[in-house]
Amino acid sequence: MRLLNNDHPYFQCYFCFSSAPLFPELLQANALLKKNLENAKASLEVLVADLQFLRDQQTITQVKLLTSLNDLSLHDSAMIIPWPHAYSVE
């Protein structure tokens, strides 16, 4: 980011219309914005990691649910329809 210098029109305008220089306030505002941007980036990284964890947990839960439902349906069908080896063809 480029800082304002003495020959920049904004710098001259600030000093024309005010008795106190505003340039230090711009530097402080710039520093504060940089700090806020760094904090926002760090928060975003944490949120992305949390989101990935939740996606993994959702996938694991879906797999466990489908596995248990599949096991349950196998047990139910085994009770209703006997397996072929239960019949003896002799």
C-alpha atoms as a PDB file:
ATOM      1  CA  MET A   1       0.000   0.000   0.000  1.00  0.00           C
ATOM      2  CA  ARG A   2       1.370   3.417  -0.943  1.00  0.00           C
ATOM      3  CA  LEU A   3       1.547   6.055   1.791  1.00  0.00           C
ATOM      4  CA  LEU A   4       0.694   9.659   1.111  1.00  0.00           C
ATOM      5  CA  ASN A   5       3.633  11.978   0.572  1.00  0.00           C
ATOM      6  CA  ASN A   6       3.936  15.756   0.864  1.00  0.00           C
ATOM      7  CA  ASP A   7       3.255  16.552  -2.784  1.00  0.00           C
ATOM      8  CA  HIS A   8       0.118  14.405  -2.947  1.00  0.00           C
ATOM      9  CA  PRO A   9      -3.053  16.509  -3.458  1.00  0.00           C
ATOM     10  CA  TYR A  10      -4.893  14.778  -0.598  1.00  0.00           C
ATOM     11  CA  PHE A  11      -2.104  15.659   1.797  1.00  0.00           C
ATOM     12  CA  GLN A  12      -2.154  19.297   0.702  1.00  0.00           C
ATOM     13  CA  CYS A  13      -5.941  19.428   0.934  1.00  0.00           C
ATOM     14  CA  TYR A  14      -5.955  18.160   4.517  1.00  0.00           C
ATOM     15  CA  PHE A  15      -3.572  20.887   5.581  1.00  0.00           C
ATOM     16  CA  CYS A  16      -5.450  23.615   3.680  1.00  0.00           C
ATOM     17  CA  PHE A  17      -8.745  23.065   5.493  1.00  0.00           C
ATOM     18  CA  SER A  18      -7.641  22.118   8.991  1.00  0.00           C
ATOM     19  CA  SER A  19      -5.295  23.515  11.532  1.00  0.00           C
ATOM     20  CA  ALA A  20      -4.249  20.055  12.791  1.00  0.00           C
ATOM     21  CA  PRO A  21      -2.521  17.640  10.413  1.00  0.00           C
ATOM     22  CA  LEU A  22      -4.609  14.573   9.589  1.00  0.00           C
ATOM     23  CA  PHE A  23      -1.754  12.521   8.167  1.00  0.00           C
ATOM     24  CA  PRO A  24      -0.929  10.753  11.478  1.00  0.00           C
ATOM     25  CA  GLU A  25      -4.592   9.825  11.816  1.00  0.00           C
ATOM     26  CA  LEU A  26      -4.434   8.240   8.382  1.00  0.00           C
ATOM     27  CA  LEU A  27      -1.427   6.198   9.436  1.00  0.00           C
ATOM     28  CA  GLN A  28      -3.224   5.063  12.589  1.00  0.00           C
ATOM     29  CA  ALA A  29      -6.332   4.184  10.599  1.00  0.00           C
ATOM     30  CA  ASN A  30      -4.214   2.270   8.095  1.00  0.00           C
ATOM     31  CA  ALA A  31      -2.501   0.340  10.904  1.00  0.00           C
ATOM     32  CA  LEU A  32      -5.858  -0.446  12.494  1.00  0.00           C
ATOM     33  CA  LEU A  33      -7.267  -1.686   9.183  1.00  0.00           C
ATOM     34  CA  LYS A  34      -4.224  -3.909   8.639  1.00  0.00           C
ATOM     35  CA  LYS A  35      -4.620  -5.359  12.129  1.00  0.00           C
ATOM     36  CA  ASN A  36      -8.343  -5.966  11.533  1.00  0.00           C
ATOM     37  CA  LEU A  37      -7.561  -7.652   8.212  1.00  0.00           C
ATOM     38  CA  GLU A  38      -5.021  -9.972   9.864  1.00  0.00           C
ATOM     39  CA  ASN A  39      -7.535 -10.859  12.581  1.00  0.00           C
ATOM     40  CA  ALA A  40     -10.235 -11.519   9.992  1.00  0.00           C
ATOM     41  CA  LYS A  41      -7.901 -13.790   8.002  1.00  0.00           C
ATOM     42  CA  ALA A  42      -7.006 -15.730  11.150  1.00  0.00           C
ATOM     43  CA  SER A  43     -10.688 -16.091  12.046  1.00  0.00           C
ATOM     44  CA  LEU A  44     -11.452 -17.277   8.526  1.00  0.00           C
ATOM     45  CA  GLU A  45      -8.770 -19.964   8.760  1.00  0.00           C
ATOM     46  CA  VAL A  46     -10.277 -21.212  12.025  1.00  0.00           C
ATOM     47  CA  LEU A  47     -13.770 -21.234  10.517  1.00  0.00           C
ATOM     48  CA  VAL A  48     -12.583 -23.170   7.465  1.00  0.00           C
ATOM     49  CA  ALA A  49     -10.943 -25.759   9.721  1.00  0.00           C
ATOM     50  CA  ASP A  50     -14.116 -26.037  11.820  1.00  0.00           C
ATOM     51  CA  LEU A  51     -16.222 -26.421   8.691  1.00  0.00           C
ATOM     52  CA  GLN A  52     -13.978 -29.207   7.408  1.00  0.00           C
ATOM     53  CA  PHE A  53     -14.246 -30.963  10.784  1.00  0.00           C
ATOM     54  CA  LEU A  54     -18.046 -30.731  10.647  1.00  0.00           C
ATOM     55  CA  ARG A  55     -18.084 -32.086   7.095  1.00  0.00           C
ATOM     56  CA  ASP A  56     -15.961 -35.033   8.196  1.00  0.00           C
ATOM     57  CA  GLN A  57     -18.256 -35.674  11.146  1.00  0.00           C
ATOM     58  CA  GLN A  58     -21.303 -35.551   8.862  1.00  0.00           C
ATOM     59  CA  THR A  59     -19.716 -38.075   6.497  1.00  0.00           C
ATOM     60  CA  ILE A  60     -18.806 -40.397   9.381  1.00  0.00           C
ATOM     61  CA  THR A  61     -22.325 -40.139  10.796  1.00  0.00           C
ATOM     62  CA  GLN A  62     -23.890 -40.901   7.420  1.00  0.00           C
ATOM     63  CA  VAL A  63     -21.665 -43.936   6.901  1.00  0.00           C
ATOM     64  CA  LYS A  64     -22.420 -45.279  10.395  1.00  0.00           C
ATOM     65  CA  LEU A  65     -26.144 -44.701   9.936  1.00  0.00           C
ATOM     66  CA  LEU A  66     -26.244 -46.417   6.558  1.00  0.00           C
ATOM     67  CA  THR A  67     -24.153 -49.299   7.846  1.00  0.00           C
ATOM     68  CA  SER A  68     -26.417 -49.832  10.833  1.00  0.00           C
ATOM     69  CA  LEU A  69     -29.540 -49.591   8.658  1.00  0.00           C
ATOM     70  CA  ASN A  70     -28.027 -52.073   6.217  1.00  0.00           C
ATOM     71  CA  ASP A  71     -27.211 -54.470   9.062  1.00  0.00           C
ATOM     72  CA  LEU A  72     -30.717 -54.049  10.428  1.00  0.00           C
ATOM     73  CA  SER A  73     -32.314 -54.782   7.063  1.00  0.00           C
ATOM     74  CA  LEU A  74     -30.128 -57.874   6.672  1.00  0.00           C
ATOM     75  CA  HIS A  75     -31.230 -59.163  10.057  1.00  0.00           C
ATOM     76  CA  ASP A  76     -34.877 -58.424   9.319  1.00  0.00           C
ATOM     77  CA  SER A  77     -34.769 -60.155   5.951  1.00  0.00           C
ATOM     78  CA  ALA A  78     -32.949 -63.110   7.500  1.00  0.00           C
ATOM     79  CA  MET A  79     -35.780 -63.507   9.969  1.00  0.00           C
ATOM     80  CA  ILE A  80     -38.465 -63.314   7.320  1.00  0.00           C
ATOM     81  CA  ILE A  81     -36.807 -65.164   4.444  1.00  0.00           C
ATOM     82  CA  PRO A  82     -34.507 -68.028   5.437  1.00  0.00           C
ATOM     83  CA  TRP A  83     -31.112 -68.255   3.823  1.00  0.00           C
ATOM     84  CA  PRO A  84     -30.771 -70.766   0.973  1.00  0.00           C
ATOM     85  CA  HIS A  85     -28.519 -73.077   2.987  1.00  0.00           C
ATOM     86  CA  ALA A  86     -31.337 -73.548   5.487  1.00  0.00           C
ATOM     87  CA  TYR A  87     -33.147 -75.670   2.953  1.00  0.00           C
ATOM     88  CA  SER A  88     -31.896 -79.139   2.269  1.00  0.00           C
ATOM     89  CA  VAL A  89     -32.496 -80.491  -1.194  1.00  0.00           C
ATOM     90  CA  GLU A  90     -31.924 -84.217  -0.873  1.00  0.00           C
END
